[in-house]
């Protein structure tokens, strides 16, 4: 399973490539170097890159909420291995509902 990307309606193919390259970070090399390389590759500033990445919904299709089955959204590449290492995961909506019921 892998990271899935869902661009917003205003993003184009180039934006999706930027997002794909960003999320391809392997956690082996330095993150700052990875960002710099991506920015240089697309000739954009880090601000533009993070704005572009922030508009694209990234998620793990193999990690789902144990209650409702919602996919696990990602905020940073380090979330990938962290979320996969958990025995189970609960989305914010279900977590809030469970908290209210207790």
N, C-alpha and C. Protein backbone atom coordinates (compact mmCIF):
# COMPACT_ATOMS: atom_id res chain seq x y z
N UNK A 1 0.85 -1.17 0.00
CA UNK A 1 0.00 0.00 0.00
C UNK A 1 0.89 1.24 0.00
N UNK A 2 0.32 2.32 -0.41
CA UNK A 2 1.13 3.52 -0.54
C UNK A 2 0.35 4.76 -0.14
N UNK A 3 1.04 5.87 -0.23
CA UNK A 3 0.40 7.15 0.00
C UNK A 3 -0.44 7.48 -1.24
N UNK A 4 -1.66 7.86 -1.01
CA UNK A 4 -2.55 8.26 -2.10
C UNK A 4 -2.70 9.78 -2.04
N UNK A 5 -2.82 10.39 -3.20
CA UNK A 5 -2.97 11.84 -3.30
C UNK A 5 -4.26 12.19 -4.00
N UNK A 6 -4.95 13.16 -3.45
CA UNK A 6 -6.17 13.66 -4.06
C UNK A 6 -6.03 15.18 -4.20
N UNK A 7 -5.66 15.65 -5.40
CA UNK A 7 -5.50 17.10 -5.58
C UNK A 7 -6.85 17.81 -5.50
N UNK A 8 -6.80 19.09 -5.15
CA UNK A 8 -8.06 19.83 -5.17
C UNK A 8 -8.40 20.20 -6.60
N UNK A 9 -9.55 20.78 -6.82
CA UNK A 9 -10.05 21.03 -8.18
C UNK A 9 -9.22 22.05 -8.96
N UNK A 10 -8.47 22.89 -8.28
CA UNK A 10 -7.69 23.92 -8.97
C UNK A 10 -6.27 23.47 -9.28
N UNK A 11 -5.86 22.31 -8.81
CA UNK A 11 -4.50 21.86 -9.04
C UNK A 11 -4.36 21.15 -10.38
N UNK A 12 -3.17 21.29 -10.96
CA UNK A 12 -2.91 20.70 -12.27
C UNK A 12 -1.92 19.54 -12.15
N UNK A 13 -1.51 19.00 -13.28
CA UNK A 13 -0.61 17.84 -13.29
C UNK A 13 0.74 18.18 -12.64
N UNK A 14 1.25 19.38 -12.87
CA UNK A 14 2.52 19.79 -12.27
C UNK A 14 2.40 19.83 -10.74
N UNK A 15 1.30 20.36 -10.25
CA UNK A 15 1.07 20.40 -8.81
C UNK A 15 1.06 18.99 -8.23
N UNK A 16 0.44 18.07 -8.94
CA UNK A 16 0.37 16.69 -8.47
C UNK A 16 1.76 16.05 -8.45
N UNK A 17 2.61 16.40 -9.43
CA UNK A 17 3.99 15.90 -9.44
C UNK A 17 4.77 16.45 -8.25
N UNK A 18 4.58 17.74 -7.95
CA UNK A 18 5.24 18.35 -6.80
C UNK A 18 4.83 17.61 -5.53
N UNK A 19 3.54 17.36 -5.39
CA UNK A 19 3.03 16.65 -4.21
C UNK A 19 3.59 15.23 -4.15
N UNK A 20 3.61 14.56 -5.28
CA UNK A 20 4.13 13.19 -5.33
C UNK A 20 5.59 13.13 -4.92
N UNK A 21 6.38 14.08 -5.42
CA UNK A 21 7.80 14.11 -5.05
C UNK A 21 7.98 14.41 -3.58
N UNK A 22 7.19 15.33 -3.05
CA UNK A 22 7.27 15.66 -1.63
C UNK A 22 6.97 14.42 -0.78
N UNK A 23 5.89 13.72 -1.09
CA UNK A 23 5.49 12.56 -0.29
C UNK A 23 6.36 11.34 -0.54
N UNK A 24 7.24 11.39 -1.53
CA UNK A 24 8.16 10.28 -1.79
C UNK A 24 9.36 10.31 -0.85
N UNK A 25 9.40 11.26 0.08
CA UNK A 25 10.49 11.35 1.04
C UNK A 25 10.64 10.01 1.75
N UNK A 26 11.88 9.53 1.82
CA UNK A 26 12.14 8.18 2.33
C UNK A 26 12.49 8.08 3.81
N UNK A 27 12.53 9.19 4.52
CA UNK A 27 12.90 9.23 5.94
C UNK A 27 14.32 8.75 6.20
N UNK A 28 15.09 8.52 5.15
CA UNK A 28 16.48 8.09 5.30
C UNK A 28 17.42 9.30 5.18
N UNK A 29 17.16 10.14 4.23
CA UNK A 29 17.99 11.32 4.02
C UNK A 29 17.41 12.49 4.82
N UNK A 30 18.07 13.61 4.79
CA UNK A 30 17.60 14.77 5.52
C UNK A 30 16.37 15.39 4.87
N UNK A 31 15.39 15.72 5.69
CA UNK A 31 14.14 16.29 5.18
C UNK A 31 14.38 17.65 4.53
N UNK A 32 15.22 18.48 5.14
CA UNK A 32 15.48 19.81 4.58
C UNK A 32 16.14 19.69 3.22
N UNK A 33 17.06 18.76 3.06
CA UNK A 33 17.70 18.54 1.77
C UNK A 33 16.68 18.06 0.74
N UNK A 34 15.76 17.23 1.18
CA UNK A 34 14.70 16.73 0.28
C UNK A 34 13.84 17.89 -0.22
N UNK A 35 13.44 18.77 0.70
CA UNK A 35 12.63 19.93 0.33
C UNK A 35 13.41 20.85 -0.61
N UNK A 36 14.66 21.10 -0.29
CA UNK A 36 15.48 21.96 -1.16
C UNK A 36 15.61 21.38 -2.56
N UNK A 37 15.82 20.07 -2.64
CA UNK A 37 15.95 19.41 -3.95
C UNK A 37 14.65 19.51 -4.74
N UNK A 38 13.52 19.30 -4.08
CA UNK A 38 12.23 19.42 -4.77
C UNK A 38 12.00 20.85 -5.25
N UNK A 39 12.32 21.81 -4.42
CA UNK A 39 12.15 23.22 -4.80
C UNK A 39 13.03 23.56 -6.00
N UNK A 40 14.26 23.07 -5.97
CA UNK A 40 15.18 23.33 -7.08
C UNK A 40 14.69 22.64 -8.36
N UNK A 41 14.21 21.43 -8.23
CA UNK A 41 13.71 20.67 -9.38
C UNK A 41 12.58 21.42 -10.09
N UNK A 42 11.68 22.02 -9.32
CA UNK A 42 10.52 22.72 -9.90
C UNK A 42 10.70 24.23 -9.96
N UNK A 43 11.88 24.71 -9.51
CA UNK A 43 12.18 26.14 -9.53
C UNK A 43 11.11 26.95 -8.79
N UNK A 44 10.84 26.51 -7.57
CA UNK A 44 9.85 27.18 -6.72
C UNK A 44 10.45 27.41 -5.33
N UNK A 45 9.84 28.30 -4.59
CA UNK A 45 10.28 28.56 -3.22
C UNK A 45 9.65 27.52 -2.28
N UNK A 46 10.24 27.34 -1.10
CA UNK A 46 9.62 26.42 -0.13
C UNK A 46 8.19 26.84 0.21
N UNK A 47 7.94 28.14 0.26
CA UNK A 47 6.59 28.62 0.55
C UNK A 47 5.59 28.12 -0.50
N UNK A 48 5.95 28.23 -1.76
CA UNK A 48 5.08 27.76 -2.85
C UNK A 48 4.92 26.25 -2.78
N UNK A 49 6.02 25.56 -2.50
CA UNK A 49 5.94 24.10 -2.43
C UNK A 49 4.99 23.65 -1.32
N UNK A 50 5.16 24.22 -0.12
CA UNK A 50 4.30 23.81 0.99
C UNK A 50 2.85 24.23 0.78
N UNK A 51 2.64 25.34 0.11
CA UNK A 51 1.27 25.75 -0.22
C UNK A 51 0.65 24.74 -1.18
N UNK A 52 1.42 24.33 -2.18
CA UNK A 52 0.93 23.35 -3.16
C UNK A 52 0.64 22.01 -2.49
N UNK A 53 1.57 21.56 -1.67
CA UNK A 53 1.41 20.28 -0.97
C UNK A 53 0.22 20.34 -0.01
N UNK A 54 0.04 21.47 0.64
CA UNK A 54 -1.06 21.63 1.59
C UNK A 54 -2.44 21.60 0.96
N UNK A 55 -2.51 21.87 -0.32
CA UNK A 55 -3.80 21.85 -1.01
C UNK A 55 -4.18 20.45 -1.50
N UNK A 56 -3.22 19.55 -1.49
CA UNK A 56 -3.45 18.18 -1.97
C UNK A 56 -3.68 17.27 -0.77
N UNK A 57 -4.79 16.56 -0.74
CA UNK A 57 -5.11 15.66 0.36
C UNK A 57 -4.28 14.38 0.21
N UNK A 58 -3.43 14.10 1.18
CA UNK A 58 -2.61 12.89 1.19
C UNK A 58 -3.12 11.96 2.28
N UNK A 59 -3.20 10.68 1.95
CA UNK A 59 -3.72 9.73 2.92
C UNK A 59 -3.15 8.33 2.69
N UNK A 60 -3.26 7.51 3.71
CA UNK A 60 -2.88 6.10 3.62
C UNK A 60 -4.14 5.29 3.40
N UNK A 61 -4.17 4.52 2.35
CA UNK A 61 -5.36 3.72 2.09
C UNK A 61 -5.36 2.40 2.86
N UNK A 62 -4.23 2.08 3.50
CA UNK A 62 -4.16 0.83 4.25
C UNK A 62 -4.28 1.05 5.76
N UNK A 63 -4.46 2.28 6.20
CA UNK A 63 -4.70 2.59 7.62
C UNK A 63 -6.05 3.29 7.68
N UNK A 64 -7.00 2.65 8.34
CA UNK A 64 -8.36 3.17 8.38
C UNK A 64 -8.87 3.23 9.82
N UNK A 65 -9.81 4.14 10.05
CA UNK A 65 -10.43 4.26 11.36
C UNK A 65 -11.07 2.93 11.73
N UNK A 66 -10.79 2.50 12.95
CA UNK A 66 -11.33 1.21 13.38
C UNK A 66 -12.84 1.22 13.56
N UNK A 67 -13.46 2.40 13.61
CA UNK A 67 -14.91 2.49 13.80
C UNK A 67 -15.67 2.76 12.51
N UNK A 68 -15.22 3.75 11.73
CA UNK A 68 -15.99 4.13 10.53
C UNK A 68 -15.31 3.76 9.22
N UNK A 69 -14.04 3.40 9.26
CA UNK A 69 -13.33 3.00 8.05
C UNK A 69 -12.74 4.15 7.25
N UNK A 70 -12.77 5.37 7.78
CA UNK A 70 -12.20 6.53 7.08
C UNK A 70 -10.70 6.34 6.93
N UNK A 71 -10.17 6.79 5.78
CA UNK A 71 -8.73 6.68 5.54
C UNK A 71 -7.95 7.62 6.45
N UNK A 72 -6.69 7.29 6.67
CA UNK A 72 -5.83 8.06 7.57
C UNK A 72 -5.16 9.22 6.82
N UNK A 73 -5.54 10.47 7.13
CA UNK A 73 -4.91 11.61 6.47
C UNK A 73 -3.48 11.81 6.97
N UNK A 74 -2.64 12.37 6.12
CA UNK A 74 -1.25 12.64 6.46
C UNK A 74 -0.98 14.13 6.49
N UNK A 75 -0.14 14.55 7.41
CA UNK A 75 0.27 15.95 7.47
C UNK A 75 1.73 16.11 7.10
N UNK A 76 2.56 15.16 7.52
CA UNK A 76 3.99 15.20 7.22
C UNK A 76 4.46 13.79 6.87
N UNK A 77 5.55 13.66 6.10
CA UNK A 77 6.02 12.33 5.72
C UNK A 77 6.31 11.40 6.90
N UNK A 78 6.72 11.95 8.04
CA UNK A 78 7.00 11.10 9.20
C UNK A 78 5.74 10.39 9.70
N UNK A 79 4.57 10.92 9.36
CA UNK A 79 3.31 10.28 9.75
C UNK A 79 3.15 8.90 9.14
N UNK A 80 3.76 8.67 7.99
CA UNK A 80 3.56 7.41 7.27
C UNK A 80 3.98 6.23 8.13
N UNK A 81 5.23 6.20 8.54
CA UNK A 81 5.70 5.06 9.33
C UNK A 81 5.08 5.05 10.73
N UNK A 82 4.85 6.23 11.30
CA UNK A 82 4.23 6.29 12.63
C UNK A 82 2.82 5.71 12.61
N UNK A 83 2.00 6.10 11.64
CA UNK A 83 0.62 5.62 11.60
C UNK A 83 0.56 4.13 11.27
N UNK A 84 1.47 3.66 10.44
CA UNK A 84 1.48 2.23 10.11
C UNK A 84 1.97 1.39 11.28
N UNK A 85 2.71 1.97 12.21
CA UNK A 85 3.23 1.21 13.34
C UNK A 85 2.18 1.01 14.44
N UNK A 86 1.10 1.78 14.39
CA UNK A 86 0.05 1.66 15.41
C UNK A 86 -0.78 0.40 15.19
N UNK A 87 -1.27 -0.16 16.28
CA UNK A 87 -2.13 -1.33 16.17
C UNK A 87 -3.49 -0.97 15.61
N UNK A 88 -3.99 0.22 15.96
CA UNK A 88 -5.27 0.68 15.44
C UNK A 88 -5.25 2.20 15.41
N UNK A 89 -6.18 2.77 14.69
CA UNK A 89 -6.27 4.21 14.56
C UNK A 89 -7.74 4.62 14.56
N UNK A 90 -8.01 5.77 15.15
CA UNK A 90 -9.37 6.30 15.25
C UNK A 90 -9.37 7.72 14.69
N UNK A 91 -10.26 8.02 13.76
CA UNK A 91 -10.33 9.36 13.18
C UNK A 91 -10.84 10.37 14.22
N UNK A 92 -10.66 11.65 13.92
CA UNK A 92 -11.06 12.71 14.86
C UNK A 92 -12.55 12.69 15.16
N UNK A 93 -13.37 12.41 14.16
CA UNK A 93 -14.82 12.41 14.36
C UNK A 93 -15.22 11.31 15.34
N UNK A 94 -14.71 10.11 15.11
CA UNK A 94 -15.05 9.00 16.00
C UNK A 94 -14.43 9.20 17.38
N UNK A 95 -13.22 9.74 17.41
CA UNK A 95 -12.57 10.01 18.69
C UNK A 95 -13.40 11.00 19.51
N UNK A 96 -13.90 12.03 18.85
CA UNK A 96 -14.74 13.03 19.54
C UNK A 96 -16.04 12.38 20.03
N UNK A 97 -16.65 11.53 19.19
CA UNK A 97 -17.89 10.86 19.59
C UNK A 97 -17.66 9.94 20.78
N UNK A 98 -16.54 9.24 20.78
CA UNK A 98 -16.22 8.36 21.90
C UNK A 98 -15.98 9.16 23.16
N UNK A 99 -15.28 10.28 23.04
CA UNK A 99 -15.00 11.13 24.19
C UNK A 99 -16.31 11.68 24.79
N UNK A 100 -17.25 12.05 23.94
CA UNK A 100 -18.52 12.60 24.41
C UNK A 100 -19.36 11.55 25.12
N UNK A 101 -19.25 10.31 24.69
CA UNK A 101 -20.03 9.22 25.29
C UNK A 101 -19.48 8.77 26.63
N UNK A 102 -18.27 9.14 26.93
CA UNK A 102 -17.67 8.70 28.22
C UNK A 102 -17.90 9.68 29.31
